[in-house]
């Protein structure tokens, strides 16, 4: 804290919270951790917004996907942050349903008209948003691969995780 203040950075202690990630999917109940800054205990938070993304304590992005769907008609193609999303099939289905609703609204139709989804896509000449997200992830991966071996981003490739996987079948992605 003193190092930050020595370099001219002012930190507001009253507004500070922390996010404790539980990526192993089980709650660590027995370990009570109190983080203090200048005799003030920081409060834990369930989710955290960083660079426009909402990161949840469990490491999932359900809250971010739900927030973007609730935000209404967003121009998804200009959203660069979705390039690094790794979403599950359930989240992909929710995004696709929201996209199809937006397409029907754009055409001035409703679900009551019982028009197949392919008609809206052909009429508006729009590709699947999930395919565009996949293309963006591949483009992002190519950018990472072009970085030099000494870059910090490339250090993740050789990362070894301690411990074993959790029980059961892995989640489909």
C-alpha atoms as a PDB file:
ATOM      1  CA  UNK A   1       0.000   0.000   0.000  1.00  0.00           C
ATOM      2  CA  UNK A   2       2.816   2.371   0.889  1.00  0.00           C
ATOM      3  CA  UNK A   3       4.560   1.541  -2.391  1.00  0.00           C
ATOM      4  CA  UNK A   4       1.473   2.646  -4.326  1.00  0.00           C
ATOM      5  CA  UNK A   5       1.192   5.880  -2.374  1.00  0.00           C
ATOM      6  CA  UNK A   6       4.912   6.578  -2.778  1.00  0.00           C
ATOM      7  CA  UNK A   7       4.463   6.438  -6.548  1.00  0.00           C
ATOM      8  CA  UNK A   8       1.568   8.908  -6.516  1.00  0.00           C
ATOM      9  CA  UNK A   9      -1.367   6.481  -6.573  1.00  0.00           C
ATOM     10  CA  UNK A  10      -4.206   7.264  -4.186  1.00  0.00           C
ATOM     11  CA  UNK A  11      -6.221   4.239  -3.057  1.00  0.00           C
ATOM     12  CA  UNK A  12      -9.667   4.710  -1.527  1.00  0.00           C
ATOM     13  CA  UNK A  13      -9.886   2.146   1.272  1.00  0.00           C
ATOM     14  CA  UNK A  14     -13.604   2.746   1.908  1.00  0.00           C
ATOM     15  CA  UNK A  15     -14.579   1.482  -1.559  1.00  0.00           C
ATOM     16  CA  UNK A  16     -12.339  -1.578  -1.652  1.00  0.00           C
ATOM     17  CA  UNK A  17     -13.737  -5.105  -1.734  1.00  0.00           C
ATOM     18  CA  UNK A  18     -12.099  -8.355  -2.721  1.00  0.00           C
ATOM     19  CA  UNK A  19     -13.125 -11.378  -4.745  1.00  0.00           C
ATOM     20  CA  UNK A  20     -12.084 -14.790  -3.483  1.00  0.00           C
ATOM     21  CA  UNK A  21     -12.270 -17.250  -6.364  1.00  0.00           C
ATOM     22  CA  UNK A  22     -13.399 -20.800  -5.691  1.00  0.00           C
ATOM     23  CA  UNK A  23     -12.438 -22.532  -8.938  1.00  0.00           C
ATOM     24  CA  UNK A  24     -12.518 -26.010  -7.400  1.00  0.00           C
ATOM     25  CA  UNK A  25     -16.314 -25.684  -7.013  1.00  0.00           C
ATOM     26  CA  UNK A  26     -16.422 -26.278  -3.273  1.00  0.00           C
ATOM     27  CA  UNK A  27     -16.669 -23.751  -0.502  1.00  0.00           C
ATOM     28  CA  UNK A  28     -13.733 -23.476   1.860  1.00  0.00           C
ATOM     29  CA  UNK A  29     -15.736 -23.074   5.052  1.00  0.00           C
ATOM     30  CA  UNK A  30     -13.064 -23.830   7.605  1.00  0.00           C
ATOM     31  CA  UNK A  31     -10.684 -21.101   6.507  1.00  0.00           C
ATOM     32  CA  UNK A  32     -11.840 -17.659   7.549  1.00  0.00           C
ATOM     33  CA  UNK A  33      -9.573 -15.131   5.883  1.00  0.00           C
ATOM     34  CA  UNK A  34      -9.612 -11.487   6.875  1.00  0.00           C
ATOM     35  CA  UNK A  35      -7.855  -9.111   4.514  1.00  0.00           C
ATOM     36  CA  UNK A  36      -6.872  -5.838   6.146  1.00  0.00           C
ATOM     37  CA  UNK A  37      -5.615  -2.546   4.827  1.00  0.00           C
ATOM     38  CA  UNK A  38      -4.611  -0.062   7.515  1.00  0.00           C
ATOM     39  CA  UNK A  39      -6.703  -1.718  10.255  1.00  0.00           C
ATOM     40  CA  UNK A  40      -9.793  -1.908   8.030  1.00  0.00           C
ATOM     41  CA  UNK A  41     -11.169  -5.348   7.123  1.00  0.00           C
ATOM     42  CA  UNK A  42     -12.182  -5.643   3.472  1.00  0.00           C
ATOM     43  CA  UNK A  43     -15.566  -7.184   2.648  1.00  0.00           C
ATOM     44  CA  UNK A  44     -15.754 -10.177   0.277  1.00  0.00           C
ATOM     45  CA  UNK A  45     -17.717  -9.843  -2.940  1.00  0.00           C
ATOM     46  CA  UNK A  46     -19.590 -12.448  -5.012  1.00  0.00           C
ATOM     47  CA  UNK A  47     -18.786 -10.954  -8.417  1.00  0.00           C
ATOM     48  CA  UNK A  48     -16.409  -8.409  -9.847  1.00  0.00           C
ATOM     49  CA  UNK A  49     -16.539  -6.225 -12.948  1.00  0.00           C
ATOM     50  CA  UNK A  50     -13.197  -5.830 -14.700  1.00  0.00           C
ATOM     51  CA  UNK A  51     -12.738  -4.359 -18.184  1.00  0.00           C
ATOM     52  CA  UNK A  52     -16.457  -4.807 -18.868  1.00  0.00           C
ATOM     53  CA  UNK A  53     -16.568  -8.484 -17.897  1.00  0.00           C
ATOM     54  CA  UNK A  54     -18.423  -9.709 -14.823  1.00  0.00           C
ATOM     55  CA  UNK A  55     -16.356 -12.416 -13.139  1.00  0.00           C
ATOM     56  CA  UNK A  56     -18.132 -14.546 -10.529  1.00  0.00           C
ATOM     57  CA  UNK A  57     -16.525 -16.112  -7.459  1.00  0.00           C
ATOM     58  CA  UNK A  58     -16.868 -19.595  -8.959  1.00  0.00           C
ATOM     59  CA  UNK A  59     -15.098 -18.519 -12.155  1.00  0.00           C
ATOM     60  CA  UNK A  60     -18.240 -18.747 -14.293  1.00  0.00           C
ATOM     61  CA  UNK A  61     -19.583 -16.033 -16.557  1.00  0.00           C
ATOM     62  CA  UNK A  62     -23.316 -16.773 -16.242  1.00  0.00           C
ATOM     63  CA  UNK A  63     -23.908 -13.373 -14.693  1.00  0.00           C
ATOM     64  CA  UNK A  64     -22.105 -11.637 -17.567  1.00  0.00           C
ATOM     65  CA  UNK A  65     -24.107 -13.533 -20.203  1.00  0.00           C
ATOM     66  CA  UNK A  66     -27.381 -12.756 -18.406  1.00  0.00           C
ATOM     67  CA  UNK A  67     -26.387  -9.085 -18.094  1.00  0.00           C
ATOM     68  CA  UNK A  68     -25.690  -8.823 -21.820  1.00  0.00           C
ATOM     69  CA  UNK A  69     -28.983 -10.494 -22.715  1.00  0.00           C
ATOM     70  CA  UNK A  70     -30.884  -8.163 -20.358  1.00  0.00           C
ATOM     71  CA  UNK A  71     -29.123  -5.158 -21.854  1.00  0.00           C
ATOM     72  CA  UNK A  72     -31.368  -5.446 -24.904  1.00  0.00           C
ATOM     73  CA  UNK A  73     -30.407  -5.164 -28.542  1.00  0.00           C
ATOM     74  CA  UNK A  74     -26.640  -4.963 -28.341  1.00  0.00           C
ATOM     75  CA  UNK A  75     -24.565  -4.898 -31.464  1.00  0.00           C
ATOM     76  CA  UNK A  76     -22.817  -8.205 -30.795  1.00  0.00           C
ATOM     77  CA  UNK A  77     -20.493  -7.988 -33.753  1.00  0.00           C
ATOM     78  CA  UNK A  78     -18.702  -4.945 -32.381  1.00  0.00           C
ATOM     79  CA  UNK A  79     -18.225  -6.497 -28.963  1.00  0.00           C
ATOM     80  CA  UNK A  80     -14.570  -7.556 -28.865  1.00  0.00           C
ATOM     81  CA  UNK A  81     -14.677  -8.971 -25.335  1.00  0.00           C
ATOM     82  CA  UNK A  82     -16.607 -12.043 -26.420  1.00  0.00           C
ATOM     83  CA  UNK A  83     -13.514 -13.297 -28.235  1.00  0.00           C
ATOM     84  CA  UNK A  84     -12.091 -14.734 -25.023  1.00  0.00           C
ATOM     85  CA  UNK A  85     -15.347 -16.154 -23.621  1.00  0.00           C
ATOM     86  CA  UNK A  86     -15.354 -19.876 -23.049  1.00  0.00           C
ATOM     87  CA  UNK A  87     -19.052 -20.572 -22.712  1.00  0.00           C
ATOM     88  CA  UNK A  88     -20.912 -23.785 -21.991  1.00  0.00           C
ATOM     89  CA  UNK A  89     -23.576 -25.202 -24.268  1.00  0.00           C
ATOM     90  CA  UNK A  90     -26.345 -23.944 -21.977  1.00  0.00           C
ATOM     91  CA  UNK A  91     -24.945 -20.411 -22.156  1.00  0.00           C
ATOM     92  CA  UNK A  92     -24.572 -20.722 -25.938  1.00  0.00           C
ATOM     93  CA  UNK A  93     -28.242 -21.721 -26.183  1.00  0.00           C
ATOM     94  CA  UNK A  94     -29.275 -18.670 -24.146  1.00  0.00           C
ATOM     95  CA  UNK A  95     -27.217 -16.385 -26.393  1.00  0.00           C
ATOM     96  CA  UNK A  96     -28.724 -17.964 -29.510  1.00  0.00           C
ATOM     97  CA  UNK A  97     -32.285 -17.588 -28.172  1.00  0.00           C
ATOM     98  CA  UNK A  98     -31.625 -13.920 -27.402  1.00  0.00           C
ATOM     99  CA  UNK A  99     -30.170 -13.439 -30.885  1.00  0.00           C
ATOM    100  CA  UNK A 100     -33.223 -15.008 -32.541  1.00  0.00           C
ATOM    101  CA  UNK A 101     -35.546 -12.799 -30.486  1.00  0.00           C
ATOM    102  CA  UNK A 102     -33.631  -9.750 -31.682  1.00  0.00           C
ATOM    103  CA  UNK A 103     -33.878 -10.941 -35.285  1.00  0.00           C
ATOM    104  CA  UNK A 104     -37.647 -11.422 -35.006  1.00  0.00           C
ATOM    105  CA  UNK A 105     -38.010  -7.944 -33.472  1.00  0.00           C
ATOM    106  CA  UNK A 106     -35.898  -6.490 -36.290  1.00  0.00           C
ATOM    107  CA  UNK A 107     -38.214  -8.033 -38.894  1.00  0.00           C
ATOM    108  CA  UNK A 108     -41.284  -6.768 -37.046  1.00  0.00           C
ATOM    109  CA  UNK A 109     -42.603 -10.275 -36.412  1.00  0.00           C
ATOM    110  CA  UNK A 110     -43.439 -12.211 -33.268  1.00  0.00           C
ATOM    111  CA  UNK A 111     -43.144 -15.832 -32.217  1.00  0.00           C
ATOM    112  CA  UNK A 112     -46.902 -16.145 -32.752  1.00  0.00           C
ATOM    113  CA  UNK A 113     -46.340 -15.816 -36.530  1.00  0.00           C
ATOM    114  CA  UNK A 114     -44.592 -19.248 -36.407  1.00  0.00           C
ATOM    115  CA  UNK A 115     -41.916 -18.351 -38.958  1.00  0.00           C
ATOM    116  CA  UNK A 116     -38.845 -20.641 -38.969  1.00  0.00           C
ATOM    117  CA  UNK A 117     -35.584 -19.163 -37.715  1.00  0.00           C
ATOM    118  CA  UNK A 118     -33.830 -19.809 -41.027  1.00  0.00           C
ATOM    119  CA  UNK A 119     -36.198 -17.393 -42.766  1.00  0.00           C
ATOM    120  CA  UNK A 120     -35.086 -14.538 -40.513  1.00  0.00           C
ATOM    121  CA  UNK A 121     -31.429 -15.388 -41.038  1.00  0.00           C
ATOM    122  CA  UNK A 122     -31.875 -15.545 -44.829  1.00  0.00           C
ATOM    123  CA  UNK A 123     -33.904 -12.329 -44.933  1.00  0.00           C
ATOM    124  CA  UNK A 124     -31.391 -10.352 -42.867  1.00  0.00           C
ATOM    125  CA  UNK A 125     -28.315 -12.223 -44.214  1.00  0.00           C
ATOM    126  CA  UNK A 126     -27.007 -12.881 -40.689  1.00  0.00           C
ATOM    127  CA  UNK A 127     -24.706 -15.697 -39.560  1.00  0.00           C
ATOM    128  CA  UNK A 128     -25.028 -17.571 -36.282  1.00  0.00           C
ATOM    129  CA  UNK A 129     -23.623 -15.519 -33.409  1.00  0.00           C
ATOM    130  CA  UNK A 130     -22.089 -18.662 -31.879  1.00  0.00           C
ATOM    131  CA  UNK A 131     -20.104 -19.245 -35.089  1.00  0.00           C
ATOM    132  CA  UNK A 132     -18.889 -15.644 -34.962  1.00  0.00           C
ATOM    133  CA  UNK A 133     -17.853 -16.131 -31.342  1.00  0.00           C
ATOM    134  CA  UNK A 134     -15.929 -19.272 -32.318  1.00  0.00           C
ATOM    135  CA  UNK A 135     -14.185 -17.379 -35.138  1.00  0.00           C
ATOM    136  CA  UNK A 136     -13.280 -14.636 -32.670  1.00  0.00           C
ATOM    137  CA  UNK A 137     -11.818 -17.159 -30.227  1.00  0.00           C
ATOM    138  CA  UNK A 138      -9.727 -18.691 -33.012  1.00  0.00           C
ATOM    139  CA  UNK A 139      -8.553 -15.216 -34.043  1.00  0.00           C
ATOM    140  CA  UNK A 140      -7.658 -14.491 -30.404  1.00  0.00           C
ATOM    141  CA  UNK A 141      -5.778 -17.805 -30.216  1.00  0.00           C
ATOM    142  CA  UNK A 142      -3.809 -16.874 -33.351  1.00  0.00           C
ATOM    143  CA  UNK A 143      -2.850 -13.548 -31.750  1.00  0.00           C
ATOM    144  CA  UNK A 144      -1.606 -15.375 -28.660  1.00  0.00           C
ATOM    145  CA  UNK A 145       0.370 -17.878 -30.752  1.00  0.00           C
ATOM    146  CA  UNK A 146       2.113 -15.047 -32.630  1.00  0.00           C
ATOM    147  CA  UNK A 147       3.419 -13.541 -29.385  1.00  0.00           C
ATOM    148  CA  UNK A 148       7.042 -14.348 -28.476  1.00  0.00           C
ATOM    149  CA  UNK A 149       7.735 -17.246 -26.113  1.00  0.00           C
ATOM    150  CA  UNK A 150       8.859 -14.785 -23.425  1.00  0.00           C
ATOM    151  CA  UNK A 151       5.456 -13.032 -23.304  1.00  0.00           C
ATOM    152  CA  UNK A 152       3.482 -13.565 -20.106  1.00  0.00           C
ATOM    153  CA  UNK A 153       0.460 -14.744 -22.098  1.00  0.00           C
ATOM    154  CA  UNK A 154       2.459 -17.672 -23.449  1.00  0.00           C
ATOM    155  CA  UNK A 155       3.391 -18.783 -19.924  1.00  0.00           C
ATOM    156  CA  UNK A 156      -0.089 -20.261 -19.526  1.00  0.00           C
ATOM    157  CA  UNK A 157       0.690 -22.932 -22.123  1.00  0.00           C
ATOM    158  CA  UNK A 158       3.177 -24.656 -19.810  1.00  0.00           C
ATOM    159  CA  UNK A 159       1.069 -24.170 -16.684  1.00  0.00           C
ATOM    160  CA  UNK A 160       0.591 -27.281 -14.559  1.00  0.00           C
ATOM    161  CA  UNK A 161      -2.346 -27.359 -12.154  1.00  0.00           C
ATOM    162  CA  UNK A 162      -1.745 -29.059  -8.817  1.00  0.00           C
ATOM    163  CA  UNK A 163      -4.225 -31.651  -7.613  1.00  0.00           C
ATOM    164  CA  UNK A 164      -6.672 -33.839  -9.431  1.00  0.00           C
ATOM    165  CA  UNK A 165      -9.828 -33.110 -11.362  1.00  0.00           C
ATOM    166  CA  UNK A 166     -13.149 -33.166  -9.624  1.00  0.00           C
ATOM    167  CA  UNK A 167     -15.285 -36.267  -9.853  1.00  0.00           C
ATOM    168  CA  UNK A 168     -17.639 -36.958 -12.709  1.00  0.00           C
ATOM    169  CA  UNK A 169     -17.794 -36.156 -16.348  1.00  0.00           C
ATOM    170  CA  UNK A 170     -16.188 -32.874 -17.445  1.00  0.00           C
ATOM    171  CA  UNK A 171     -18.532 -30.056 -18.424  1.00  0.00           C
ATOM    172  CA  UNK A 172     -19.224 -29.834 -22.144  1.00  0.00           C
ATOM    173  CA  UNK A 173     -17.861 -26.685 -23.734  1.00  0.00           C
END
